[in-house]
Amino acid sequence: MENKQLAQRIRAFRKLKGLTQQELAERTGISLAVLGAIERGNRRAEEQMLVQIADVLEITLQELKERS
């Protein structure tokens, strides 16, 4: 999946759950700077980071990666 599309999906699911970037960063253990770069599509998220993000957002990894 392209970085920009994945970034948009992470941001959309985060907002849908009512979380700020800061809250998501704290709950996943990913630094705010890294999470921000991932959401902007400037950094590729490692698989383990995606698993952590999906867990906190209470969605499956497949849902996070699905193409729309």
PDB file of N, CA and C in Angstrom:
ATOM      1  N   MET A   1       0.843  -1.182   0.000  1.00  0.00           N
ATOM      2  CA  MET A   1       0.000   0.000   0.000  1.00  0.00           C
ATOM      3  C   MET A   1       0.883   1.238   0.000  1.00  0.00           C
ATOM      4  N   GLU A   2       0.461   2.194  -0.752  1.00  0.00           N
ATOM      5  CA  GLU A   2       1.219   3.440  -0.833  1.00  0.00           C
ATOM      6  C   GLU A   2       1.168   4.173   0.503  1.00  0.00           C
ATOM      7  N   ASN A   3       2.281   4.809   0.851  1.00  0.00           N
ATOM      8  CA  ASN A   3       2.386   5.524   2.129  1.00  0.00           C
ATOM      9  C   ASN A   3       1.272   6.544   2.340  1.00  0.00           C
ATOM     10  N   LYS A   4       0.978   7.331   1.328  1.00  0.00           N
ATOM     11  CA  LYS A   4      -0.020   8.406   1.473  1.00  0.00           C
ATOM     12  C   LYS A   4      -1.404   7.842   1.783  1.00  0.00           C
ATOM     13  N   GLN A   5      -1.771   6.760   1.107  1.00  0.00           N
ATOM     14  CA  GLN A   5      -3.086   6.161   1.341  1.00  0.00           C
ATOM     15  C   GLN A   5      -3.167   5.567   2.749  1.00  0.00           C
ATOM     16  N   LEU A   6      -2.118   4.878   3.165  1.00  0.00           N
ATOM     17  CA  LEU A   6      -2.088   4.316   4.513  1.00  0.00           C
ATOM     18  C   LEU A   6      -2.124   5.440   5.546  1.00  0.00           C
ATOM     19  N   ALA A   7      -1.394   6.508   5.290  1.00  0.00           N
ATOM     20  CA  ALA A   7      -1.372   7.658   6.193  1.00  0.00           C
ATOM     21  C   ALA A   7      -2.777   8.235   6.361  1.00  0.00           C
ATOM     22  N   GLN A   8      -3.488   8.370   5.262  1.00  0.00           N
ATOM     23  CA  GLN A   8      -4.852   8.904   5.319  1.00  0.00           C
ATOM     24  C   GLN A   8      -5.768   7.986   6.116  1.00  0.00           C
ATOM     25  N   ARG A   9      -5.596   6.688   5.955  1.00  0.00           N
ATOM     26  CA  ARG A   9      -6.441   5.735   6.680  1.00  0.00           C
ATOM     27  C   ARG A   9      -6.156   5.774   8.179  1.00  0.00           C
ATOM     28  N   ILE A  10      -4.887   5.859   8.553  1.00  0.00           N
ATOM     29  CA  ILE A  10      -4.539   5.949   9.974  1.00  0.00           C
ATOM     30  C   ILE A  10      -5.166   7.200  10.573  1.00  0.00           C
ATOM     31  N   ARG A  11      -5.003   8.323   9.898  1.00  0.00           N
ATOM     32  CA  ARG A  11      -5.557   9.591  10.392  1.00  0.00           C
ATOM     33  C   ARG A  11      -7.083   9.511  10.502  1.00  0.00           C
ATOM     34  N   ALA A  12      -7.729   8.952   9.482  1.00  0.00           N
ATOM     35  CA  ALA A  12      -9.195   8.867   9.490  1.00  0.00           C
ATOM     36  C   ALA A  12      -9.700   7.985  10.628  1.00  0.00           C
ATOM     37  N   PHE A  13      -9.083   6.817  10.817  1.00  0.00           N
ATOM     38  CA  PHE A  13      -9.503   5.927  11.912  1.00  0.00           C
ATOM     39  C   PHE A  13      -9.229   6.581  13.270  1.00  0.00           C
ATOM     40  N   ARG A  14      -8.106   7.287  13.385  1.00  0.00           N
ATOM     41  CA  ARG A  14      -7.780   7.955  14.652  1.00  0.00           C
ATOM     42  C   ARG A  14      -8.842   8.997  14.988  1.00  0.00           C
ATOM     43  N   LYS A  15      -9.211   9.789  13.995  1.00  0.00           N
ATOM     44  CA  LYS A  15     -10.214  10.828  14.232  1.00  0.00           C
ATOM     45  C   LYS A  15     -11.585  10.208  14.503  1.00  0.00           C
ATOM     46  N   LEU A  16     -11.894   9.123  13.815  1.00  0.00           N
ATOM     47  CA  LEU A  16     -13.156   8.423  14.026  1.00  0.00           C
ATOM     48  C   LEU A  16     -13.278   7.944  15.473  1.00  0.00           C
ATOM     49  N   LYS A  17     -12.155   7.528  16.052  1.00  0.00           N
ATOM     50  CA  LYS A  17     -12.135   7.058  17.440  1.00  0.00           C
ATOM     51  C   LYS A  17     -12.016   8.212  18.439  1.00  0.00           C
ATOM     52  N   GLY A  18     -11.893   9.446  17.923  1.00  0.00           N
ATOM     53  CA  GLY A  18     -11.844  10.613  18.801  1.00  0.00           C
ATOM     54  C   GLY A  18     -10.518  10.793  19.510  1.00  0.00           C
ATOM     55  N   LEU A  19      -9.443  10.298  18.908  1.00  0.00           N
ATOM     56  CA  LEU A  19      -8.120  10.408  19.524  1.00  0.00           C
ATOM     57  C   LEU A  19      -7.292  11.500  18.861  1.00  0.00           C
ATOM     58  N   THR A  20      -6.481  12.181  19.658  1.00  0.00           N
ATOM     59  CA  THR A  20      -5.510  13.109  19.107  1.00  0.00           C
ATOM     60  C   THR A  20      -4.256  12.320  18.742  1.00  0.00           C
ATOM     61  N   GLN A  21      -3.380  12.949  17.979  1.00  0.00           N
ATOM     62  CA  GLN A  21      -2.105  12.288  17.667  1.00  0.00           C
ATOM     63  C   GLN A  21      -1.354  11.986  18.958  1.00  0.00           C
ATOM     64  N   GLN A  22      -1.392  12.916  19.891  1.00  0.00           N
ATOM     65  CA  GLN A  22      -0.700  12.739  21.170  1.00  0.00           C
ATOM     66  C   GLN A  22      -1.224  11.511  21.911  1.00  0.00           C
ATOM     67  N   GLU A  23      -2.548  11.361  21.959  1.00  0.00           N
ATOM     68  CA  GLU A  23      -3.147  10.215  22.652  1.00  0.00           C
ATOM     69  C   GLU A  23      -2.777   8.899  21.973  1.00  0.00           C
ATOM     70  N   LEU A  24      -2.840   8.890  20.641  1.00  0.00           N
ATOM     71  CA  LEU A  24      -2.486   7.670  19.917  1.00  0.00           C
ATOM     72  C   LEU A  24      -1.010   7.338  20.121  1.00  0.00           C
ATOM     73  N   ALA A  25      -0.177   8.351  20.097  1.00  0.00           N
ATOM     74  CA  ALA A  25       1.258   8.144  20.312  1.00  0.00           C
ATOM     75  C   ALA A  25       1.505   7.532  21.694  1.00  0.00           C
ATOM     76  N   GLU A  26       0.867   8.086  22.715  1.00  0.00           N
ATOM     77  CA  GLU A  26       1.051   7.590  24.078  1.00  0.00           C
ATOM     78  C   GLU A  26       0.562   6.147  24.220  1.00  0.00           C
ATOM     79  N   ARG A  27      -0.578   5.853  23.633  1.00  0.00           N
ATOM     80  CA  ARG A  27      -1.162   4.508  23.773  1.00  0.00           C
ATOM     81  C   ARG A  27      -0.400   3.449  22.989  1.00  0.00           C
ATOM     82  N   THR A  28       0.253   3.852  21.900  1.00  0.00           N
ATOM     83  CA  THR A  28       0.996   2.883  21.091  1.00  0.00           C
ATOM     84  C   THR A  28       2.455   2.789  21.500  1.00  0.00           C
ATOM     85  N   GLY A  29       2.950   3.815  22.211  1.00  0.00           N
ATOM     86  CA  GLY A  29       4.363   3.841  22.556  1.00  0.00           C
ATOM     87  C   GLY A  29       5.231   4.334  21.410  1.00  0.00           C
ATOM     88  N   ILE A  30       4.594   4.880  20.374  1.00  0.00           N
ATOM     89  CA  ILE A  30       5.321   5.458  19.239  1.00  0.00           C
ATOM     90  C   ILE A  30       5.462   6.945  19.525  1.00  0.00           C
ATOM     91  N   SER A  31       6.631   7.497  19.258  1.00  0.00           N
ATOM     92  CA  SER A  31       6.824   8.919  19.556  1.00  0.00           C
ATOM     93  C   SER A  31       5.895   9.763  18.689  1.00  0.00           C
ATOM     94  N   LEU A  32       5.525  10.931  19.219  1.00  0.00           N
ATOM     95  CA  LEU A  32       4.629  11.832  18.504  1.00  0.00           C
ATOM     96  C   LEU A  32       5.236  12.260  17.172  1.00  0.00           C
ATOM     97  N   ALA A  33       6.533  12.504  17.161  1.00  0.00           N
ATOM     98  CA  ALA A  33       7.210  12.920  15.925  1.00  0.00           C
ATOM     99  C   ALA A  33       7.126  11.828  14.850  1.00  0.00           C
ATOM    100  N   VAL A  34       7.350  10.590  15.256  1.00  0.00           N
ATOM    101  CA  VAL A  34       7.300   9.469  14.313  1.00  0.00           C
ATOM    102  C   VAL A  34       5.862   9.264  13.831  1.00  0.00           C
ATOM    103  N   LEU A  35       4.906   9.289  14.739  1.00  0.00           N
ATOM    104  CA  LEU A  35       3.509   9.117  14.360  1.00  0.00           C
ATOM    105  C   LEU A  35       3.073  10.217  13.395  1.00  0.00           C
ATOM    106  N   GLY A  36       3.478  11.447  13.673  1.00  0.00           N
ATOM    107  CA  GLY A  36       3.143  12.560  12.784  1.00  0.00           C
ATOM    108  C   GLY A  36       3.710  12.353  11.390  1.00  0.00           C
ATOM    109  N   ALA A  37       4.944  11.885  11.322  1.00  0.00           N
ATOM    110  CA  ALA A  37       5.582  11.626  10.021  1.00  0.00           C
ATOM    111  C   ALA A  37       4.863  10.502   9.280  1.00  0.00           C
ATOM    112  N   ILE A  38       4.418   9.490  10.011  1.00  0.00           N
ATOM    113  CA  ILE A  38       3.671   8.379   9.395  1.00  0.00           C
ATOM    114  C   ILE A  38       2.347   8.898   8.845  1.00  0.00           C
ATOM    115  N   GLU A  39       1.638   9.722   9.639  1.00  0.00           N
ATOM    116  CA  GLU A  39       0.339  10.248   9.209  1.00  0.00           C
ATOM    117  C   GLU A  39       0.465  11.206   8.028  1.00  0.00           C
ATOM    118  N   ARG A  40       1.587  11.845   7.889  1.00  0.00           N
ATOM    119  CA  ARG A  40       1.812  12.736   6.739  1.00  0.00           C
ATOM    120  C   ARG A  40       2.289  11.970   5.514  1.00  0.00           C
ATOM    121  N   GLY A  41       2.619  10.694   5.719  1.00  0.00           N
ATOM    122  CA  GLY A  41       3.104   9.882   4.609  1.00  0.00           C
ATOM    123  C   GLY A  41       4.579  10.083   4.324  1.00  0.00           C
ATOM    124  N   ASN A  42       5.279  10.712   5.265  1.00  0.00           N
ATOM    125  CA  ASN A  42       6.705  10.987   5.092  1.00  0.00           C
ATOM    126  C   ASN A  42       7.586   9.854   5.601  1.00  0.00           C
ATOM    127  N   ARG A  43       6.981   8.951   6.319  1.00  0.00           N
ATOM    128  CA  ARG A  43       7.735   7.833   6.888  1.00  0.00           C
ATOM    129  C   ARG A  43       6.929   6.560   6.740  1.00  0.00           C
ATOM    130  N   ARG A  44       7.605   5.513   6.355  1.00  0.00           N
ATOM    131  CA  ARG A  44       6.953   4.209   6.230  1.00  0.00           C
ATOM    132  C   ARG A  44       6.878   3.576   7.623  1.00  0.00           C
ATOM    133  N   ALA A  45       5.690   3.126   7.983  1.00  0.00           N
ATOM    134  CA  ALA A  45       5.510   2.488   9.288  1.00  0.00           C
ATOM    135  C   ALA A  45       5.964   1.039   9.215  1.00  0.00           C
ATOM    136  N   GLU A  46       6.715   0.628  10.208  1.00  0.00           N
ATOM    137  CA  GLU A  46       7.113  -0.774  10.302  1.00  0.00           C
ATOM    138  C   GLU A  46       5.871  -1.592  10.640  1.00  0.00           C
ATOM    139  N   GLU A  47       5.894  -2.859  10.279  1.00  0.00           N
ATOM    140  CA  GLU A  47       4.737  -3.742  10.498  1.00  0.00           C
ATOM    141  C   GLU A  47       4.308  -3.751  11.966  1.00  0.00           C
ATOM    142  N   GLN A  48       5.287  -3.800  12.882  1.00  0.00           N
ATOM    143  CA  GLN A  48       4.954  -3.836  14.305  1.00  0.00           C
ATOM    144  C   GLN A  48       4.246  -2.553  14.739  1.00  0.00           C
ATOM    145  N   MET A  49       4.640  -1.417  14.170  1.00  0.00           N
ATOM    146  CA  MET A  49       3.969  -0.152  14.480  1.00  0.00           C
ATOM    147  C   MET A  49       2.516  -0.197  14.007  1.00  0.00           C
ATOM    148  N   LEU A  50       2.305  -0.754  12.821  1.00  0.00           N
ATOM    149  CA  LEU A  50       0.942  -0.853  12.291  1.00  0.00           C
ATOM    150  C   LEU A  50       0.079  -1.749  13.166  1.00  0.00           C
ATOM    151  N   VAL A  51       0.666  -2.817  13.678  1.00  0.00           N
ATOM    152  CA  VAL A  51      -0.053  -3.718  14.580  1.00  0.00           C
ATOM    153  C   VAL A  51      -0.461  -2.962  15.844  1.00  0.00           C
ATOM    154  N   GLN A  52       0.459  -2.191  16.403  1.00  0.00           N
ATOM    155  CA  GLN A  52       0.171  -1.414  17.620  1.00  0.00           C
ATOM    156  C   GLN A  52      -0.926  -0.380  17.354  1.00  0.00           C
ATOM    157  N   ILE A  53      -0.828   0.314  16.231  1.00  0.00           N
ATOM    158  CA  ILE A  53      -1.820   1.330  15.878  1.00  0.00           C
ATOM    159  C   ILE A  53      -3.192   0.684  15.716  1.00  0.00           C
ATOM    160  N   ALA A  54      -3.257  -0.425  14.979  1.00  0.00           N
ATOM    161  CA  ALA A  54      -4.530  -1.123  14.766  1.00  0.00           C
ATOM    162  C   ALA A  54      -5.117  -1.593  16.093  1.00  0.00           C
ATOM    163  N   ASP A  55      -4.281  -2.111  16.985  1.00  0.00           N
ATOM    164  CA  ASP A  55      -4.766  -2.578  18.294  1.00  0.00           C
ATOM    165  C   ASP A  55      -5.405  -1.443  19.085  1.00  0.00           C
ATOM    166  N   VAL A  56      -4.726  -0.305  19.136  1.00  0.00           N
ATOM    167  CA  VAL A  56      -5.251   0.840  19.889  1.00  0.00           C
ATOM    168  C   VAL A  56      -6.536   1.364  19.257  1.00  0.00           C
ATOM    169  N   LEU A  57      -6.597   1.350  17.932  1.00  0.00           N
ATOM    170  CA  LEU A  57      -7.785   1.841  17.233  1.00  0.00           C
ATOM    171  C   LEU A  57      -8.912   0.801  17.205  1.00  0.00           C
ATOM    172  N   GLU A  58      -8.625  -0.385  17.753  1.00  0.00           N
ATOM    173  CA  GLU A  58      -9.588  -1.481  17.838  1.00  0.00           C
ATOM    174  C   GLU A  58     -10.110  -1.891  16.461  1.00  0.00           C
ATOM    175  N   ILE A  59      -9.171  -2.005  15.520  1.00  0.00           N
ATOM    176  CA  ILE A  59      -9.473  -2.501  14.184  1.00  0.00           C
ATOM    177  C   ILE A  59      -8.431  -3.561  13.848  1.00  0.00           C
ATOM    178  N   THR A  60      -8.717  -4.314  12.800  1.00  0.00           N
ATOM    179  CA  THR A  60      -7.737  -5.312  12.388  1.00  0.00           C
ATOM    180  C   THR A  60      -6.683  -4.664  11.507  1.00  0.00           C
ATOM    181  N   LEU A  61      -5.555  -5.323  11.409  1.00  0.00           N
ATOM    182  CA  LEU A  61      -4.491  -4.843  10.536  1.00  0.00           C
ATOM    183  C   LEU A  61      -4.992  -4.819   9.094  1.00  0.00           C
ATOM    184  N   GLN A  62      -5.808  -5.803   8.745  1.00  0.00           N
ATOM    185  CA  GLN A  62      -6.366  -5.872   7.386  1.00  0.00           C
ATOM    186  C   GLN A  62      -7.252  -4.645   7.106  1.00  0.00           C
ATOM    187  N   GLU A  63      -8.083  -4.247   8.089  1.00  0.00           N
ATOM    188  CA  GLU A  63      -8.931  -3.064   7.911  1.00  0.00           C
ATOM    189  C   GLU A  63      -8.088  -1.812   7.688  1.00  0.00           C
ATOM    190  N   LEU A  64      -6.999  -1.725   8.426  1.00  0.00           N
ATOM    191  CA  LEU A  64      -6.122  -0.566   8.318  1.00  0.00           C
ATOM    192  C   LEU A  64      -5.486  -0.494   6.935  1.00  0.00           C
ATOM    193  N   LYS A  65      -5.125  -1.656   6.402  1.00  0.00           N
ATOM    194  CA  LYS A  65      -4.405  -1.696   5.129  1.00  0.00           C
ATOM    195  C   LYS A  65      -5.321  -1.776   3.900  1.00  0.00           C
ATOM    196  N   GLU A  66      -6.619  -2.002   4.115  1.00  0.00           N
ATOM    197  CA  GLU A  66      -7.544  -2.179   2.997  1.00  0.00           C
ATOM    198  C   GLU A  66      -7.522  -1.004   2.047  1.00  0.00           C
ATOM    199  N   ARG A  67      -7.564  -1.307   0.782  1.00  0.00           N
ATOM    200  CA  ARG A  67      -7.664  -0.235  -0.233  1.00  0.00           C
ATOM    201  C   ARG A  67      -9.118   0.167  -0.365  1.00  0.00           C
ATOM    202  N   SER A  68      -9.333   1.461  -0.463  1.00  0.00           N
ATOM    203  CA  SER A  68     -10.722   1.930  -0.583  1.00  0.00           C
ATOM    204  C   SER A  68     -11.113   2.156  -2.012  1.00  0.00           C
TER     205      SER A  68
END
